[in-house]
Amino acid sequence: MSKRSAVITAMGMYVPDKILTNKELEKMVDTNDEWIIARTGIKERHIADADMAVSGMAQKAFENMQSRFDVDAEDIDIIIFTTVTPDMSFPMASSLLQDRIGAKNAWGFDLNAACSSFVFGLEMARNTIENGSAKKILVVGADKMSAITDYTDRNNCILFGDAAGIVLVEPDETGEYGIIASEMHLDGSGADYLRMKAGGSLRPATMETVKNREHYIEQDGKAVFKFAVKGMADIAEKVVTDNGLTGDDIQLLVPHQANIRIIEAAARRLKLAPEKVMINIDKYGNTTSATIPMALLEAWEQGKMDKGDNIVLTTFGAGFSWGATLIKWGMDKK
C-alpha cells in the first residue's frame, strides 16, 4: 500500500437491555431451543423498546465510542448510515443522528444493501478517504429488526435481533494500514427469495397489505441459505487470493452473523482454524447491518486483532447482495 489509505480508528456499539431467549420463543411459536441452536447457532437476541428507533440506537453506539476513544462529533465530515429499518422513509436516519450527536459540520446519507449494507458503506468511506474528500467518516450499522419481524412466523422470528455498531474511518497518509481491497456484488434475480413485499412505491401500505402481513420479512430459507453459503465463501476466498494471500496469512475472519453454518462454510473455504473466526451470533442473532461492526469491536476487545494483522470481512444479504473486504488492521492490540 503506497497511497493514502482508509483505516478504522475507533469503534462503538449498543444493544438494548431486553433479551429474548430461545426458551421464551418456545412459548410463542412451534420451535425449541435445541433446534434453533443446531440450525442457526443463536441462543438469544436483544429487542429494543417500542419507542427506540435506529437513530437512537446509533446515538448510544456513538456515545459508547466516545467512552472508549477521543472522538469529537464536530470533527466528523460524513455520516454513512447503513440500515434497512430507518426511523421513517424520510428524513434520513443519518440526518437524525447528525442532530442527535451534534455533528454540525457533517453531511451524510443512508445506504440500504440489506445485510451487506455495512460492508458496502465501508467501501464508500474508503473511496472517499482515499480521494481526499473527507478526513473523518462515521460508518453506522444499525437495525431494529424486531420492527419488521413477524413473531408468528417460526422460521424468521428466531433469527433477528436489534443493535447498532459504529466505526470511525480516517486516512493513513503512509498507506501502511487500512483497507487493502474489496469485492462487491449484486444479483437482482434473487430479489423474490428475501424481501419485504409492501411498504414501498410498488405496494404502499393499505388495509389489505397490513391484513396480509406484507410488512414483515419474507424469505425462502433454503434458497437463501444455498446462495449465502456459496456467496460468502466464494467472495471471501477471492479477496484473499486476488491479493496474493492464503488462509495462512489471515489472522481473523469477521463474517456477517446470519447463521453459524454459513459462517463455518466460509471458514472452511479459507482453511481457517476456529480461533481465527469471530462468532457472536449466539448472543445477538442476526442484527443485519450491525453484525460486522459489533463483531469487530468485540474481537478487538478480546485481543483477537493486533496492528498489522490481515482481517477479512464477508457478508451476504437480500438483493441478492454480497461482499468482502481485506483490511491491514491499524489499531494496537487491546
C-alpha atoms as a PDB file:
ATOM      1  CA  MET A   1       0.000   0.000   0.000  1.00  0.00           C
ATOM      2  CA  SER A   2       1.723   3.180  -1.173  1.00  0.00           C
ATOM      3  CA  LYS A   3      -1.078   5.734  -1.395  1.00  0.00           C
ATOM      4  CA  ARG A   4      -3.316   7.267   1.262  1.00  0.00           C
ATOM      5  CA  SER A   5      -5.423   4.514   2.792  1.00  0.00           C
ATOM      6  CA  ALA A   6      -8.596   4.348   4.873  1.00  0.00           C
ATOM      7  CA  VAL A   7      -8.174   2.967   8.376  1.00  0.00           C
ATOM      8  CA  ILE A   8     -10.630   2.247  11.191  1.00  0.00           C
ATOM      9  CA  THR A   9      -9.541   4.262  14.233  1.00  0.00           C
ATOM     10  CA  ALA A  10     -12.477   3.959  16.665  1.00  0.00           C
ATOM     11  CA  MET A  11     -15.492   1.715  17.294  1.00  0.00           C
ATOM     12  CA  GLY A  12     -18.635   1.591  19.398  1.00  0.00           C
ATOM     13  CA  MET A  13     -21.779  -0.487  19.828  1.00  0.00           C
ATOM     14  CA  TYR A  14     -25.146  -0.654  21.535  1.00  0.00           C
ATOM     15  CA  VAL A  15     -27.583  -3.465  22.267  1.00  0.00           C
ATOM     16  CA  PRO A  16     -30.914  -2.986  24.072  1.00  0.00           C
ATOM     17  CA  ASP A  17     -31.265  -4.364  27.592  1.00  0.00           C
ATOM     18  CA  LYS A  18     -34.249  -6.594  26.823  1.00  0.00           C
ATOM     19  CA  ILE A  19     -33.245 -10.151  25.879  1.00  0.00           C
ATOM     20  CA  LEU A  20     -35.471 -12.635  24.028  1.00  0.00           C
ATOM     21  CA  THR A  21     -34.236 -16.169  24.657  1.00  0.00           C
ATOM     22  CA  ASN A  22     -34.930 -19.339  22.723  1.00  0.00           C
ATOM     23  CA  LYS A  23     -36.900 -20.627  25.705  1.00  0.00           C
ATOM     24  CA  GLU A  24     -39.182 -17.604  25.509  1.00  0.00           C
ATOM     25  CA  LEU A  25     -39.668 -18.172  21.779  1.00  0.00           C
ATOM     26  CA  GLU A  26     -40.777 -21.733  22.555  1.00  0.00           C
ATOM     27  CA  LYS A  27     -43.837 -20.174  24.215  1.00  0.00           C
ATOM     28  CA  MET A  28     -44.598 -18.021  21.151  1.00  0.00           C
ATOM     29  CA  VAL A  29     -44.169 -20.370  18.183  1.00  0.00           C
ATOM     30  CA  ASP A  30     -43.660 -24.070  17.468  1.00  0.00           C
ATOM     31  CA  THR A  31     -39.898 -24.320  17.984  1.00  0.00           C
ATOM     32  CA  ASN A  32     -37.364 -25.367  20.607  1.00  0.00           C
ATOM     33  CA  ASP A  33     -34.024 -24.245  21.971  1.00  0.00           C
ATOM     34  CA  GLU A  34     -32.050 -27.245  20.725  1.00  0.00           C
ATOM     35  CA  TRP A  35     -33.354 -26.910  17.170  1.00  0.00           C
ATOM     36  CA  ILE A  36     -32.613 -23.181  16.999  1.00  0.00           C
ATOM     37  CA  ILE A  37     -29.055 -23.606  18.273  1.00  0.00           C
ATOM     38  CA  ALA A  38     -28.333 -26.544  15.957  1.00  0.00           C
ATOM     39  CA  ARG A  39     -29.678 -24.785  12.856  1.00  0.00           C
ATOM     40  CA  THR A  40     -28.559 -21.201  13.498  1.00  0.00           C
ATOM     41  CA  GLY A  41     -26.166 -21.014  16.462  1.00  0.00           C
ATOM     42  CA  ILE A  42     -28.418 -18.425  18.151  1.00  0.00           C
ATOM     43  CA  LYS A  43     -29.206 -18.638  21.872  1.00  0.00           C
ATOM     44  CA  GLU A  44     -30.704 -15.186  22.438  1.00  0.00           C
ATOM     45  CA  ARG A  45     -31.264 -11.812  20.808  1.00  0.00           C
ATOM     46  CA  HIS A  46     -31.795  -8.255  22.097  1.00  0.00           C
ATOM     47  CA  ILE A  47     -35.054  -6.404  21.435  1.00  0.00           C
ATOM     48  CA  ALA A  48     -35.471  -2.613  21.510  1.00  0.00           C
ATOM     49  CA  ASP A  49     -38.357  -0.876  23.231  1.00  0.00           C
ATOM     50  CA  ALA A  50     -41.232   0.357  21.094  1.00  0.00           C
ATOM     51  CA  ASP A  51     -40.105   3.989  21.353  1.00  0.00           C
ATOM     52  CA  MET A  52     -36.477   3.265  20.400  1.00  0.00           C
ATOM     53  CA  ALA A  53     -35.632   3.621  16.700  1.00  0.00           C
ATOM     54  CA  VAL A  54     -32.335   3.129  14.860  1.00  0.00           C
ATOM     55  CA  SER A  55     -31.172   6.737  15.171  1.00  0.00           C
ATOM     56  CA  GLY A  56     -31.494   6.416  18.940  1.00  0.00           C
ATOM     57  CA  MET A  57     -29.589   3.136  18.977  1.00  0.00           C
ATOM     58  CA  ALA A  58     -26.889   4.670  16.769  1.00  0.00           C
ATOM     59  CA  GLN A  59     -26.633   7.648  19.138  1.00  0.00           C
ATOM     60  CA  LYS A  60     -25.955   5.253  22.009  1.00  0.00           C
ATOM     61  CA  ALA A  61     -23.360   3.415  19.908  1.00  0.00           C
ATOM     62  CA  PHE A  62     -21.652   6.739  19.204  1.00  0.00           C
ATOM     63  CA  GLU A  63     -21.659   7.609  22.893  1.00  0.00           C
ATOM     64  CA  ASN A  64     -20.166   4.186  23.564  1.00  0.00           C
ATOM     65  CA  MET A  65     -17.443   5.001  21.021  1.00  0.00           C
ATOM     66  CA  GLN A  66     -16.744   8.289  22.777  1.00  0.00           C
ATOM     67  CA  SER A  67     -16.404   6.466  26.097  1.00  0.00           C
ATOM     68  CA  ARG A  68     -13.604   4.376  24.563  1.00  0.00           C
ATOM     69  CA  PHE A  69     -11.901   6.786  22.156  1.00  0.00           C
ATOM     70  CA  ASP A  70     -11.236  10.513  21.744  1.00  0.00           C
ATOM     71  CA  VAL A  71     -13.875  11.380  19.144  1.00  0.00           C
ATOM     72  CA  ASP A  72     -15.369  14.866  18.722  1.00  0.00           C
ATOM     73  CA  ALA A  73     -18.678  14.938  16.842  1.00  0.00           C
ATOM     74  CA  GLU A  74     -17.888  18.361  15.375  1.00  0.00           C
ATOM     75  CA  ASP A  75     -14.851  16.906  13.588  1.00  0.00           C
ATOM     76  CA  ILE A  76     -16.933  14.434  11.588  1.00  0.00           C
ATOM     77  CA  ASP A  77     -17.190  15.180   7.863  1.00  0.00           C
ATOM     78  CA  ILE A  78     -19.639  12.500   6.671  1.00  0.00           C
ATOM     79  CA  ILE A  79     -22.130  10.072   8.232  1.00  0.00           C
ATOM     80  CA  ILE A  80     -22.902   6.931   6.221  1.00  0.00           C
ATOM     81  CA  PHE A  81     -25.860   5.287   7.948  1.00  0.00           C
ATOM     82  CA  THR A  82     -26.454   1.722   6.774  1.00  0.00           C
ATOM     83  CA  THR A  83     -29.840   0.242   7.659  1.00  0.00           C
ATOM     84  CA  VAL A  84     -32.956  -1.481   6.331  1.00  0.00           C
ATOM     85  CA  THR A  85     -35.085  -0.105   9.158  1.00  0.00           C
ATOM     86  CA  PRO A  86     -34.713   3.699   9.227  1.00  0.00           C
ATOM     87  CA  ASP A  87     -36.812   5.647  11.700  1.00  0.00           C
ATOM     88  CA  MET A  88     -39.028   6.659   8.769  1.00  0.00           C
ATOM     89  CA  SER A  89     -38.796   6.839   4.973  1.00  0.00           C
ATOM     90  CA  PHE A  90     -37.572  10.415   5.287  1.00  0.00           C
ATOM     91  CA  PRO A  91     -35.906  12.387   6.694  1.00  0.00           C
ATOM     92  CA  MET A  92     -32.851  10.183   6.655  1.00  0.00           C
ATOM     93  CA  ALA A  93     -31.582   8.329   9.712  1.00  0.00           C
ATOM     94  CA  SER A  94     -28.196   9.933   9.026  1.00  0.00           C
ATOM     95  CA  SER A  95     -29.686  13.398   9.428  1.00  0.00           C
ATOM     96  CA  LEU A  96     -31.445  12.404  12.651  1.00  0.00           C
ATOM     97  CA  LEU A  97     -28.192  11.002  14.028  1.00  0.00           C
ATOM     98  CA  GLN A  98     -26.279  14.102  12.932  1.00  0.00           C
ATOM     99  CA  ASP A  99     -28.624  16.220  15.018  1.00  0.00           C
ATOM    100  CA  ARG A 100     -28.644  13.842  17.985  1.00  0.00           C
ATOM    101  CA  ILE A 101     -24.858  13.777  18.377  1.00  0.00           C
ATOM    102  CA  GLY A 102     -24.163  17.390  17.394  1.00  0.00           C
ATOM    103  CA  ALA A 103     -22.130  16.609  14.266  1.00  0.00           C
ATOM    104  CA  LYS A 104     -22.967  20.051  12.920  1.00  0.00           C
ATOM    105  CA  ASN A 105     -20.223  20.066  10.273  1.00  0.00           C
ATOM    106  CA  ALA A 106     -21.169  16.705   8.752  1.00  0.00           C
ATOM    107  CA  TRP A 107     -23.281  15.790   5.767  1.00  0.00           C
ATOM    108  CA  GLY A 108     -24.432  12.256   5.134  1.00  0.00           C
ATOM    109  CA  PHE A 109     -26.820   9.750   3.654  1.00  0.00           C
ATOM    110  CA  ASP A 110     -28.493   6.386   4.291  1.00  0.00           C
ATOM    111  CA  LEU A 111     -27.467   3.214   2.479  1.00  0.00           C
ATOM    112  CA  ASN A 112     -29.555   0.051   2.190  1.00  0.00           C
ATOM    113  CA  ALA A 113     -27.975  -3.134   0.868  1.00  0.00           C
ATOM    114  CA  ALA A 114     -29.707  -5.355   3.436  1.00  0.00           C
ATOM    115  CA  CYS A 115     -27.211  -7.488   5.396  1.00  0.00           C
ATOM    116  CA  SER A 116     -24.400  -6.281   3.121  1.00  0.00           C
ATOM    117  CA  SER A 117     -25.070  -2.643   3.993  1.00  0.00           C
ATOM    118  CA  PHE A 118     -22.194  -2.072   6.408  1.00  0.00           C
ATOM    119  CA  VAL A 119     -19.529  -3.552   4.129  1.00  0.00           C
ATOM    120  CA  PHE A 120     -20.900  -1.544   1.194  1.00  0.00           C
ATOM    121  CA  GLY A 121     -20.870   1.601   3.336  1.00  0.00           C
ATOM    122  CA  LEU A 122     -17.321   0.907   4.465  1.00  0.00           C
ATOM    123  CA  GLU A 123     -16.256   0.677   0.822  1.00  0.00           C
ATOM    124  CA  MET A 124     -17.812   4.074   0.100  1.00  0.00           C
ATOM    125  CA  ALA A 125     -15.976   5.537   3.087  1.00  0.00           C
ATOM    126  CA  ARG A 126     -12.734   4.008   1.837  1.00  0.00           C
ATOM    127  CA  ASN A 127     -13.080   5.568  -1.611  1.00  0.00           C
ATOM    128  CA  THR A 128     -13.923   8.978  -0.146  1.00  0.00           C
ATOM    129  CA  ILE A 129     -10.967   8.885   2.231  1.00  0.00           C
ATOM    130  CA  GLU A 130      -8.554   7.731  -0.462  1.00  0.00           C
ATOM    131  CA  ASN A 131      -9.516  10.527  -2.859  1.00  0.00           C
ATOM    132  CA  GLY A 132      -9.040  13.125  -0.135  1.00  0.00           C
ATOM    133  CA  SER A 133     -12.647  14.338   0.018  1.00  0.00           C
ATOM    134  CA  ALA A 134     -13.001  13.744   3.761  1.00  0.00           C
ATOM    135  CA  LYS A 135     -10.882  13.040   6.812  1.00  0.00           C
ATOM    136  CA  LYS A 136     -13.350  11.609   9.326  1.00  0.00           C
ATOM    137  CA  ILE A 137     -16.273   9.405   8.286  1.00  0.00           C
ATOM    138  CA  LEU A 138     -18.704   7.632  10.576  1.00  0.00           C
ATOM    139  CA  VAL A 139     -19.991   4.360   9.156  1.00  0.00           C
ATOM    140  CA  VAL A 140     -23.015   3.240  11.118  1.00  0.00           C
ATOM    141  CA  GLY A 141     -24.678  -0.158  11.012  1.00  0.00           C
ATOM    142  CA  ALA A 142     -27.969  -0.149  12.927  1.00  0.00           C
ATOM    143  CA  ASP A 143     -31.186  -2.104  12.589  1.00  0.00           C
ATOM    144  CA  LYS A 144     -34.334  -2.642  14.587  1.00  0.00           C
ATOM    145  CA  MET A 145     -35.248  -5.956  13.007  1.00  0.00           C
ATOM    146  CA  SER A 146     -37.950  -6.600  15.593  1.00  0.00           C
ATOM    147  CA  ALA A 147     -39.948  -3.835  13.860  1.00  0.00           C
ATOM    148  CA  ILE A 148     -40.271  -5.926  10.675  1.00  0.00           C
ATOM    149  CA  THR A 149     -40.244  -9.438  12.151  1.00  0.00           C
ATOM    150  CA  ASP A 150     -43.444 -11.474  12.284  1.00  0.00           C
ATOM    151  CA  TYR A 151     -43.448 -13.204  15.673  1.00  0.00           C
ATOM    152  CA  THR A 152     -45.995 -15.737  14.420  1.00  0.00           C
ATOM    153  CA  ASP A 153     -43.555 -16.904  11.719  1.00  0.00           C
ATOM    154  CA  ARG A 154     -41.415 -19.582  13.363  1.00  0.00           C
ATOM    155  CA  ASN A 155     -38.898 -19.661  10.509  1.00  0.00           C
ATOM    156  CA  ASN A 156     -37.981 -15.969  10.731  1.00  0.00           C
ATOM    157  CA  CYS A 157     -38.664 -14.790  14.272  1.00  0.00           C
ATOM    158  CA  ILE A 158     -35.874 -16.966  15.695  1.00  0.00           C
ATOM    159  CA  LEU A 159     -33.219 -15.214  13.590  1.00  0.00           C
ATOM    160  CA  PHE A 160     -33.268 -11.488  14.201  1.00  0.00           C
ATOM    161  CA  GLY A 161     -32.284  -9.012  16.891  1.00  0.00           C
ATOM    162  CA  ASP A 162     -31.798  -5.262  17.351  1.00  0.00           C
ATOM    163  CA  ALA A 163     -28.452  -3.467  17.711  1.00  0.00           C
ATOM    164  CA  ALA A 164     -26.140  -0.731  16.458  1.00  0.00           C
ATOM    165  CA  GLY A 165     -22.438  -0.770  15.616  1.00  0.00           C
ATOM    166  CA  ILE A 166     -20.335   2.176  14.507  1.00  0.00           C
ATOM    167  CA  VAL A 167     -16.797   2.811  13.261  1.00  0.00           C
ATOM    168  CA  LEU A 168     -14.751   5.926  12.522  1.00  0.00           C
ATOM    169  CA  VAL A 169     -12.719   5.828   9.307  1.00  0.00           C
ATOM    170  CA  GLU A 170      -9.757   8.167   8.832  1.00  0.00           C
ATOM    171  CA  PRO A 171      -6.809   8.485   6.412  1.00  0.00           C
ATOM    172  CA  ASP A 172      -3.417   6.865   6.913  1.00  0.00           C
ATOM    173  CA  GLU A 173      -1.134   9.061   4.846  1.00  0.00           C
ATOM    174  CA  THR A 174       1.602   6.394   4.850  1.00  0.00           C
ATOM    175  CA  GLY A 175      -0.748   3.829   3.330  1.00  0.00           C
ATOM    176  CA  GLU A 176       0.733   1.215   5.639  1.00  0.00           C
ATOM    177  CA  TYR A 177      -2.549   0.213   7.279  1.00  0.00           C
ATOM    178  CA  GLY A 178      -6.221   0.197   6.367  1.00  0.00           C
ATOM    179  CA  ILE A 179      -8.467  -1.302   3.721  1.00  0.00           C
ATOM    180  CA  ILE A 180      -6.409  -3.137   1.103  1.00  0.00           C
ATOM    181  CA  ALA A 181      -9.113  -4.392  -1.248  1.00  0.00           C
ATOM    182  CA  SER A 182     -12.772  -5.288  -1.514  1.00  0.00           C
ATOM    183  CA  GLU A 183     -15.216  -7.146  -3.754  1.00  0.00           C
ATOM    184  CA  MET A 184     -18.895  -6.186  -4.004  1.00  0.00           C
ATOM    185  CA  HIS A 185     -21.658  -7.885  -5.995  1.00  0.00           C
ATOM    186  CA  LEU A 186     -25.384  -7.759  -6.706  1.00  0.00           C
ATOM    187  CA  ASP A 187     -27.731 -10.279  -8.310  1.00  0.00           C
ATOM    188  CA  GLY A 188     -31.248  -8.898  -8.534  1.00  0.00           C
ATOM    189  CA  SER A 189     -32.606 -12.217  -9.797  1.00  0.00           C
ATOM    190  CA  GLY A 190     -32.646 -13.289  -6.156  1.00  0.00           C
ATOM    191  CA  ALA A 191     -34.963 -10.480  -5.080  1.00  0.00           C
ATOM    192  CA  ASP A 192     -38.007 -12.678  -4.546  1.00  0.00           C
ATOM    193  CA  TYR A 193     -36.222 -15.031  -2.158  1.00  0.00           C
ATOM    194  CA  LEU A 194     -35.701 -12.462   0.606  1.00  0.00           C
ATOM    195  CA  ARG A 195     -37.822  -9.320   0.801  1.00  0.00           C
ATOM    196  CA  MET A 196     -40.473  -7.229   2.479  1.00  0.00           C
ATOM    197  CA  LYS A 197     -43.309  -7.145  -0.044  1.00  0.00           C
ATOM    198  CA  ALA A 198     -45.138  -3.984   0.996  1.00  0.00           C
ATOM    199  CA  GLY A 199     -44.297  -0.506   2.221  1.00  0.00           C
ATOM    200  CA  GLY A 200     -42.551   0.800  -0.878  1.00  0.00           C
ATOM    201  CA  SER A 201     -43.804   2.525  -4.010  1.00  0.00           C
ATOM    202  CA  LEU A 202     -44.851  -0.784  -5.600  1.00  0.00           C
ATOM    203  CA  ARG A 203     -47.171  -1.756  -2.743  1.00  0.00           C
ATOM    204  CA  PRO A 204     -47.820   1.226  -0.459  1.00  0.00           C
ATOM    205  CA  ALA A 205     -49.366   0.481   2.910  1.00  0.00           C
ATOM    206  CA  THR A 206     -53.084  -0.301   2.706  1.00  0.00           C
ATOM    207  CA  MET A 207     -55.560  -2.142   4.889  1.00  0.00           C
ATOM    208  CA  GLU A 208     -55.022  -5.142   2.617  1.00  0.00           C
ATOM    209  CA  THR A 209     -51.213  -5.186   2.880  1.00  0.00           C
ATOM    210  CA  VAL A 210     -51.409  -4.892   6.657  1.00  0.00           C
ATOM    211  CA  LYS A 211     -54.043  -7.633   6.900  1.00  0.00           C
ATOM    212  CA  ASN A 212     -51.906  -9.907   4.717  1.00  0.00           C
ATOM    213  CA  ARG A 213     -48.843  -9.273   6.926  1.00  0.00           C
ATOM    214  CA  GLU A 214     -46.821  -7.978   3.977  1.00  0.00           C
ATOM    215  CA  HIS A 215     -44.814  -5.509   6.050  1.00  0.00           C
ATOM    216  CA  TYR A 216     -42.700  -8.252   7.587  1.00  0.00           C
ATOM    217  CA  ILE A 217     -39.612 -10.120   6.391  1.00  0.00           C
ATOM    218  CA  GLU A 218     -40.417 -12.849   3.919  1.00  0.00           C
ATOM    219  CA  GLN A 219     -37.825 -15.371   2.762  1.00  0.00           C
ATOM    220  CA  ASP A 220     -37.291 -18.757   1.171  1.00  0.00           C
ATOM    221  CA  GLY A 221     -34.893 -20.020   3.812  1.00  0.00           C
ATOM    222  CA  LYS A 222     -33.489 -22.961   1.870  1.00  0.00           C
ATOM    223  CA  ALA A 223     -32.779 -20.901  -1.245  1.00  0.00           C
ATOM    224  CA  VAL A 224     -31.205 -18.046   0.739  1.00  0.00           C
ATOM    225  CA  PHE A 225     -29.039 -20.486   2.694  1.00  0.00           C
ATOM    226  CA  LYS A 226     -27.771 -22.099  -0.514  1.00  0.00           C
ATOM    227  CA  PHE A 227     -26.872 -18.771  -2.135  1.00  0.00           C
ATOM    228  CA  ALA A 228     -25.395 -17.337   1.079  1.00  0.00           C
ATOM    229  CA  VAL A 229     -23.067 -20.283   1.696  1.00  0.00           C
ATOM    230  CA  LYS A 230     -21.638 -20.046  -1.798  1.00  0.00           C
ATOM    231  CA  GLY A 231     -21.620 -16.235  -1.967  1.00  0.00           C
ATOM    232  CA  MET A 232     -19.884 -15.565   1.351  1.00  0.00           C
ATOM    233  CA  ALA A 233     -17.346 -18.368   0.933  1.00  0.00           C
ATOM    234  CA  ASP A 234     -16.527 -17.551  -2.700  1.00  0.00           C
ATOM    235  CA  ILE A 235     -16.048 -13.849  -2.194  1.00  0.00           C
ATOM    236  CA  ALA A 236     -14.001 -14.239   0.977  1.00  0.00           C
ATOM    237  CA  GLU A 237     -11.652 -16.590  -0.849  1.00  0.00           C
ATOM    238  CA  LYS A 238     -11.453 -14.282  -3.868  1.00  0.00           C
ATOM    239  CA  VAL A 239     -10.494 -11.146  -1.949  1.00  0.00           C
ATOM    240  CA  VAL A 240      -7.726 -13.148  -0.266  1.00  0.00           C
ATOM    241  CA  THR A 241      -6.299 -14.951  -3.298  1.00  0.00           C
ATOM    242  CA  ASP A 242      -6.568 -11.922  -5.605  1.00  0.00           C
ATOM    243  CA  ASN A 243      -4.171 -10.144  -3.252  1.00  0.00           C
ATOM    244  CA  GLY A 244      -1.601 -12.936  -3.260  1.00  0.00           C
ATOM    245  CA  LEU A 245      -2.554 -14.312   0.153  1.00  0.00           C
ATOM    246  CA  THR A 246      -3.766 -17.625   1.541  1.00  0.00           C
ATOM    247  CA  GLY A 247      -5.691 -18.592   4.629  1.00  0.00           C
ATOM    248  CA  ASP A 248      -2.368 -18.878   6.467  1.00  0.00           C
ATOM    249  CA  ASP A 249      -1.889 -15.122   6.007  1.00  0.00           C
ATOM    250  CA  ILE A 250      -5.261 -14.248   7.570  1.00  0.00           C
ATOM    251  CA  GLN A 251      -5.347 -13.619  11.304  1.00  0.00           C
ATOM    252  CA  LEU A 252      -9.118 -13.225  11.610  1.00  0.00           C
ATOM    253  CA  LEU A 253     -12.312 -13.697   9.599  1.00  0.00           C
ATOM    254  CA  VAL A 254     -15.160 -11.399  10.698  1.00  0.00           C
ATOM    255  CA  PRO A 255     -18.279 -12.651   8.906  1.00  0.00           C
ATOM    256  CA  HIS A 256     -21.819 -11.369   8.881  1.00  0.00           C
ATOM    257  CA  GLN A 257     -23.579 -13.158  11.726  1.00  0.00           C
ATOM    258  CA  ALA A 258     -26.583 -14.679   9.949  1.00  0.00           C
ATOM    259  CA  ASN A 259     -26.228 -18.413  10.544  1.00  0.00           C
ATOM    260  CA  ILE A 260     -23.474 -20.472  12.169  1.00  0.00           C
ATOM    261  CA  ARG A 261     -23.457 -22.979   9.291  1.00  0.00           C
ATOM    262  CA  ILE A 262     -22.862 -20.240   6.718  1.00  0.00           C
ATOM    263  CA  ILE A 263     -20.014 -18.853   8.827  1.00  0.00           C
ATOM    264  CA  GLU A 264     -18.429 -22.304   9.147  1.00  0.00           C
ATOM    265  CA  ALA A 265     -18.612 -22.835   5.378  1.00  0.00           C
ATOM    266  CA  ALA A 266     -16.729 -19.582   4.713  1.00  0.00           C
ATOM    267  CA  ALA A 267     -14.105 -20.534   7.302  1.00  0.00           C
ATOM    268  CA  ARG A 268     -13.608 -23.968   5.730  1.00  0.00           C
ATOM    269  CA  ARG A 269     -13.066 -22.398   2.309  1.00  0.00           C
ATOM    270  CA  LEU A 270     -10.153 -20.377   3.723  1.00  0.00           C
ATOM    271  CA  LYS A 271      -8.960 -23.352   5.795  1.00  0.00           C
ATOM    272  CA  LEU A 272      -9.148 -21.267   8.962  1.00  0.00           C
ATOM    273  CA  ALA A 273      -8.968 -22.740  12.447  1.00  0.00           C
ATOM    274  CA  PRO A 274     -11.968 -21.942  14.687  1.00  0.00           C
ATOM    275  CA  GLU A 275      -9.928 -19.467  16.757  1.00  0.00           C
ATOM    276  CA  LYS A 276      -9.428 -17.385  13.599  1.00  0.00           C
ATOM    277  CA  VAL A 277     -13.173 -16.852  13.124  1.00  0.00           C
ATOM    278  CA  MET A 278     -15.117 -14.226  15.095  1.00  0.00           C
ATOM    279  CA  ILE A 279     -18.514 -15.526  16.200  1.00  0.00           C
ATOM    280  CA  ASN A 280     -21.013 -13.745  18.454  1.00  0.00           C
ATOM    281  CA  ILE A 281     -24.277 -14.803  16.792  1.00  0.00           C
ATOM    282  CA  ASP A 282     -25.157 -16.807  19.890  1.00  0.00           C
ATOM    283  CA  LYS A 283     -25.613 -13.583  21.905  1.00  0.00           C
ATOM    284  CA  TYR A 284     -27.246 -11.273  19.377  1.00  0.00           C
ATOM    285  CA  GLY A 285     -28.739 -13.201  16.453  1.00  0.00           C
ATOM    286  CA  ASN A 286     -28.788 -11.537  13.056  1.00  0.00           C
ATOM    287  CA  THR A 287     -28.751  -7.763  13.600  1.00  0.00           C
ATOM    288  CA  THR A 288     -28.311  -7.137   9.859  1.00  0.00           C
ATOM    289  CA  SER A 289     -26.163  -4.006   9.362  1.00  0.00           C
ATOM    290  CA  ALA A 290     -24.857  -4.094  12.927  1.00  0.00           C
ATOM    291  CA  THR A 291     -23.331  -7.585  12.956  1.00  0.00           C
ATOM    292  CA  ILE A 292     -19.909  -6.814  11.475  1.00  0.00           C
ATOM    293  CA  PRO A 293     -19.074  -3.556  13.317  1.00  0.00           C
ATOM    294  CA  MET A 294     -20.152  -5.179  16.585  1.00  0.00           C
ATOM    295  CA  ALA A 295     -18.080  -8.284  15.870  1.00  0.00           C
ATOM    296  CA  LEU A 296     -15.067  -6.110  15.010  1.00  0.00           C
ATOM    297  CA  LEU A 297     -15.286  -4.275  18.319  1.00  0.00           C
ATOM    298  CA  GLU A 298     -15.734  -7.438  20.361  1.00  0.00           C
ATOM    299  CA  ALA A 299     -12.871  -9.181  18.523  1.00  0.00           C
ATOM    300  CA  TRP A 300     -10.575  -6.240  19.302  1.00  0.00           C
ATOM    301  CA  GLU A 301     -11.703  -6.185  22.934  1.00  0.00           C
ATOM    302  CA  GLN A 302     -10.943  -9.901  23.206  1.00  0.00           C
ATOM    303  CA  GLY A 303      -7.416  -9.378  21.894  1.00  0.00           C
ATOM    304  CA  LYS A 304      -8.044 -11.230  18.643  1.00  0.00           C
ATOM    305  CA  MET A 305      -6.626  -8.426  16.443  1.00  0.00           C
ATOM    306  CA  ASP A 306      -3.264  -6.656  16.526  1.00  0.00           C
ATOM    307  CA  LYS A 307      -1.773  -3.875  14.445  1.00  0.00           C
ATOM    308  CA  GLY A 308      -0.672  -5.239  11.065  1.00  0.00           C
ATOM    309  CA  ASP A 309      -2.984  -8.271  11.122  1.00  0.00           C
ATOM    310  CA  ASN A 310      -4.821  -9.258   7.939  1.00  0.00           C
ATOM    311  CA  ILE A 311      -8.564  -9.178   8.642  1.00  0.00           C
ATOM    312  CA  VAL A 312     -11.307 -10.336   6.248  1.00  0.00           C
ATOM    313  CA  LEU A 313     -14.926  -9.152   6.423  1.00  0.00           C
ATOM    314  CA  THR A 314     -17.504 -11.091   4.434  1.00  0.00           C
ATOM    315  CA  THR A 315     -21.271 -10.734   4.108  1.00  0.00           C
ATOM    316  CA  PHE A 316     -24.385 -11.778   2.184  1.00  0.00           C
ATOM    317  CA  GLY A 317     -27.846 -10.222   2.106  1.00  0.00           C
ATOM    318  CA  ALA A 318     -31.057  -9.566   0.243  1.00  0.00           C
ATOM    319  CA  GLY A 319     -30.846  -8.233  -3.254  1.00  0.00           C
ATOM    320  CA  PHE A 320     -29.028 -10.565  -3.510  1.00  0.00           C
ATOM    321  CA  SER A 321     -26.028  -8.573  -2.306  1.00  0.00           C
ATOM    322  CA  TRP A 322     -22.676  -9.831  -1.075  1.00  0.00           C
ATOM    323  CA  GLY A 323     -19.198  -8.526  -0.459  1.00  0.00           C
ATOM    324  CA  ALA A 324     -15.835  -8.983   1.225  1.00  0.00           C
ATOM    325  CA  THR A 325     -13.165  -6.584   2.456  1.00  0.00           C
ATOM    326  CA  LEU A 326      -9.497  -7.219   3.224  1.00  0.00           C
ATOM    327  CA  ILE A 327      -8.005  -4.970   5.918  1.00  0.00           C
ATOM    328  CA  LYS A 328      -4.491  -4.460   7.243  1.00  0.00           C
ATOM    329  CA  TRP A 329      -5.588  -3.709  10.786  1.00  0.00           C
ATOM    330  CA  GLY A 330      -4.314  -0.354  12.046  1.00  0.00           C
ATOM    331  CA  MET A 331      -5.100  -0.378  15.777  1.00  0.00           C
ATOM    332  CA  ASP A 332      -2.826  -1.668  18.516  1.00  0.00           C
ATOM    333  CA  LYS A 333      -3.922  -4.787  20.339  1.00  0.00           C
ATOM    334  CA  LYS A 334      -6.360  -4.127  23.183  1.00  0.00           C
END
